Amino acid sequence: MTEQYSGRTRERMTILGDLDAASFLPWIRRHAAKLGISQAISHASSNRIELEVEGLEELIDMMEMGCSLGPIDVWVESIERKSMKHETA
């Protein structure tokens, strides 16, 4: 179960596979923007991308599904999601 704050969820998403970060990173940013969720990429390599996402759980589910299908030049083998506590200022 994920931590929630005002209906929003914050998670770390780790994408593993044969990833072309040069094309996949802009794709991830555009997809998150279309869904209205925030994202911050903390690691990117040819076989792993880690990002933090925040938004409604259903929209994060849609982000995961979109990333698993991804652009044609990447092969996503798995996506791991881990809940993060909502940090308050």
C-alpha atoms as a PDB file:
ATOM      1  CA  MET A   1       0.000   0.000   0.000  1.00  0.00           C
ATOM      2  CA  THR A   2       1.306   3.465  -0.788  1.00  0.00           C
ATOM      3  CA  GLU A   3       1.575   6.551   1.397  1.00  0.00           C
ATOM      4  CA  GLN A   4      -1.071   9.120   0.546  1.00  0.00           C
ATOM      5  CA  TYR A   5      -1.381  12.829   1.242  1.00  0.00           C
ATOM      6  CA  SER A   6      -4.419  14.750  -0.008  1.00  0.00           C
ATOM      7  CA  GLY A   7      -5.172  11.918  -2.443  1.00  0.00           C
ATOM      8  CA  ARG A   8      -1.659  12.072  -3.884  1.00  0.00           C
ATOM      9  CA  THR A   9       0.886   9.259  -3.757  1.00  0.00           C
ATOM     10  CA  ARG A  10       4.667   9.464  -3.952  1.00  0.00           C
ATOM     11  CA  GLU A  11       6.656   6.514  -5.268  1.00  0.00           C
ATOM     12  CA  ARG A  12      10.078   5.562  -6.572  1.00  0.00           C
ATOM     13  CA  MET A  13       9.834   3.794  -9.912  1.00  0.00           C
ATOM     14  CA  THR A  14      12.783   1.719 -11.183  1.00  0.00           C
ATOM     15  CA  ILE A  15      12.632   0.726 -14.846  1.00  0.00           C
ATOM     16  CA  LEU A  16      14.920  -2.125 -15.941  1.00  0.00           C
ATOM     17  CA  GLY A  17      15.653  -3.384 -19.447  1.00  0.00           C
ATOM     18  CA  ASP A  18      17.412  -2.447 -22.668  1.00  0.00           C
ATOM     19  CA  LEU A  19      16.798   1.278 -22.468  1.00  0.00           C
ATOM     20  CA  ASP A  20      17.863   4.067 -24.815  1.00  0.00           C
ATOM     21  CA  ALA A  21      17.996   6.836 -22.225  1.00  0.00           C
ATOM     22  CA  ALA A  22      18.479   9.543 -24.881  1.00  0.00           C
ATOM     23  CA  SER A  23      14.999   8.942 -26.289  1.00  0.00           C
ATOM     24  CA  PHE A  24      13.267   7.402 -23.265  1.00  0.00           C
ATOM     25  CA  LEU A  25      13.938  10.241 -20.786  1.00  0.00           C
ATOM     26  CA  PRO A  26      12.169  12.931 -22.867  1.00  0.00           C
ATOM     27  CA  TRP A  27       9.366  10.426 -23.507  1.00  0.00           C
ATOM     28  CA  ILE A  28       8.978   9.840 -19.729  1.00  0.00           C
ATOM     29  CA  ARG A  29       8.836  13.594 -19.086  1.00  0.00           C
ATOM     30  CA  ARG A  30       6.196  14.142 -21.783  1.00  0.00           C
ATOM     31  CA  HIS A  31       4.103  11.185 -20.627  1.00  0.00           C
ATOM     32  CA  ALA A  32       4.161  12.361 -16.983  1.00  0.00           C
ATOM     33  CA  ALA A  33       3.167  15.873 -18.077  1.00  0.00           C
ATOM     34  CA  LYS A  34       0.238  14.501 -20.102  1.00  0.00           C
ATOM     35  CA  LEU A  35      -0.943  12.567 -17.041  1.00  0.00           C
ATOM     36  CA  GLY A  36      -0.495  15.552 -14.748  1.00  0.00           C
ATOM     37  CA  ILE A  37       1.950  13.858 -12.385  1.00  0.00           C
ATOM     38  CA  SER A  38       5.275  15.228 -11.235  1.00  0.00           C
ATOM     39  CA  GLN A  39       8.473  13.308 -11.885  1.00  0.00           C
ATOM     40  CA  ALA A  40      12.157  13.645 -11.073  1.00  0.00           C
ATOM     41  CA  ILE A  41      14.731  11.342 -12.662  1.00  0.00           C
ATOM     42  CA  SER A  42      17.499  10.406 -10.214  1.00  0.00           C
ATOM     43  CA  HIS A  43      19.431   7.839 -12.294  1.00  0.00           C
ATOM     44  CA  ALA A  44      19.570   7.015 -15.989  1.00  0.00           C
ATOM     45  CA  SER A  45      21.694   4.420 -17.776  1.00  0.00           C
ATOM     46  CA  SER A  46      21.295   2.010 -20.667  1.00  0.00           C
ATOM     47  CA  ASN A  47      19.780  -0.657 -18.392  1.00  0.00           C
ATOM     48  CA  ARG A  48      18.174   1.238 -15.485  1.00  0.00           C
ATOM     49  CA  ILE A  49      16.183   4.420 -14.959  1.00  0.00           C
ATOM     50  CA  GLU A  50      15.071   5.538 -11.516  1.00  0.00           C
ATOM     51  CA  LEU A  51      12.521   8.261 -11.007  1.00  0.00           C
ATOM     52  CA  GLU A  52      10.302   9.629  -8.305  1.00  0.00           C
ATOM     53  CA  VAL A  53       6.710  10.234  -9.287  1.00  0.00           C
ATOM     54  CA  GLU A  54       3.913  11.967  -7.411  1.00  0.00           C
ATOM     55  CA  GLY A  55       0.240  12.112  -8.252  1.00  0.00           C
ATOM     56  CA  LEU A  56      -2.996  10.202  -7.934  1.00  0.00           C
ATOM     57  CA  GLU A  57      -2.363   6.467  -7.607  1.00  0.00           C
ATOM     58  CA  GLU A  58      -4.461   5.702 -10.699  1.00  0.00           C
ATOM     59  CA  LEU A  59      -2.345   8.108 -12.760  1.00  0.00           C
ATOM     60  CA  ILE A  60       0.872   6.539 -11.467  1.00  0.00           C
ATOM     61  CA  ASP A  61      -0.564   3.159 -12.514  1.00  0.00           C
ATOM     62  CA  MET A  62      -1.124   4.645 -15.977  1.00  0.00           C
ATOM     63  CA  MET A  63       2.459   5.949 -15.987  1.00  0.00           C
ATOM     64  CA  GLU A  64       3.733   2.456 -15.211  1.00  0.00           C
ATOM     65  CA  MET A  65       1.644   0.959 -18.005  1.00  0.00           C
ATOM     66  CA  GLY A  66       2.836   3.610 -20.469  1.00  0.00           C
ATOM     67  CA  CYS A  67       6.476   3.058 -19.524  1.00  0.00           C
ATOM     68  CA  SER A  68       6.118  -0.717 -19.833  1.00  0.00           C
ATOM     69  CA  LEU A  69       4.904  -0.243 -23.410  1.00  0.00           C
ATOM     70  CA  GLY A  70       7.285   2.679 -23.963  1.00  0.00           C
ATOM     71  CA  PRO A  71       8.662   4.005 -27.215  1.00  0.00           C
ATOM     72  CA  ILE A  72       9.653   1.523 -29.920  1.00  0.00           C
ATOM     73  CA  ASP A  73      13.413   1.809 -29.311  1.00  0.00           C
ATOM     74  CA  VAL A  74      13.348   0.528 -25.709  1.00  0.00           C
ATOM     75  CA  TRP A  75      12.680  -2.885 -24.207  1.00  0.00           C
ATOM     76  CA  VAL A  76      11.333  -2.688 -20.657  1.00  0.00           C
ATOM     77  CA  GLU A  77      11.835  -5.964 -18.794  1.00  0.00           C
ATOM     78  CA  SER A  78      10.405  -4.905 -15.442  1.00  0.00           C
ATOM     79  CA  ILE A  79       9.231  -1.941 -13.422  1.00  0.00           C
ATOM     80  CA  GLU A  80       9.596  -1.892  -9.661  1.00  0.00           C
ATOM     81  CA  ARG A  81       7.599   0.545  -7.549  1.00  0.00           C
ATOM     82  CA  LYS A  82       8.257   1.495  -3.950  1.00  0.00           C
ATOM     83  CA  SER A  83       6.191   3.791  -1.767  1.00  0.00           C
ATOM     84  CA  MET A  84       7.895   6.886  -0.370  1.00  0.00           C
ATOM     85  CA  LYS A  85       6.696   8.840   2.622  1.00  0.00           C
ATOM     86  CA  HIS A  86       5.266  12.218   1.729  1.00  0.00           C
ATOM     87  CA  GLU A  87       7.710  14.831   2.942  1.00  0.00           C
ATOM     88  CA  THR A  88       6.268  18.017   4.336  1.00  0.00           C
ATOM     89  CA  ALA A  89       8.090  21.348   4.586  1.00  0.00           C
END
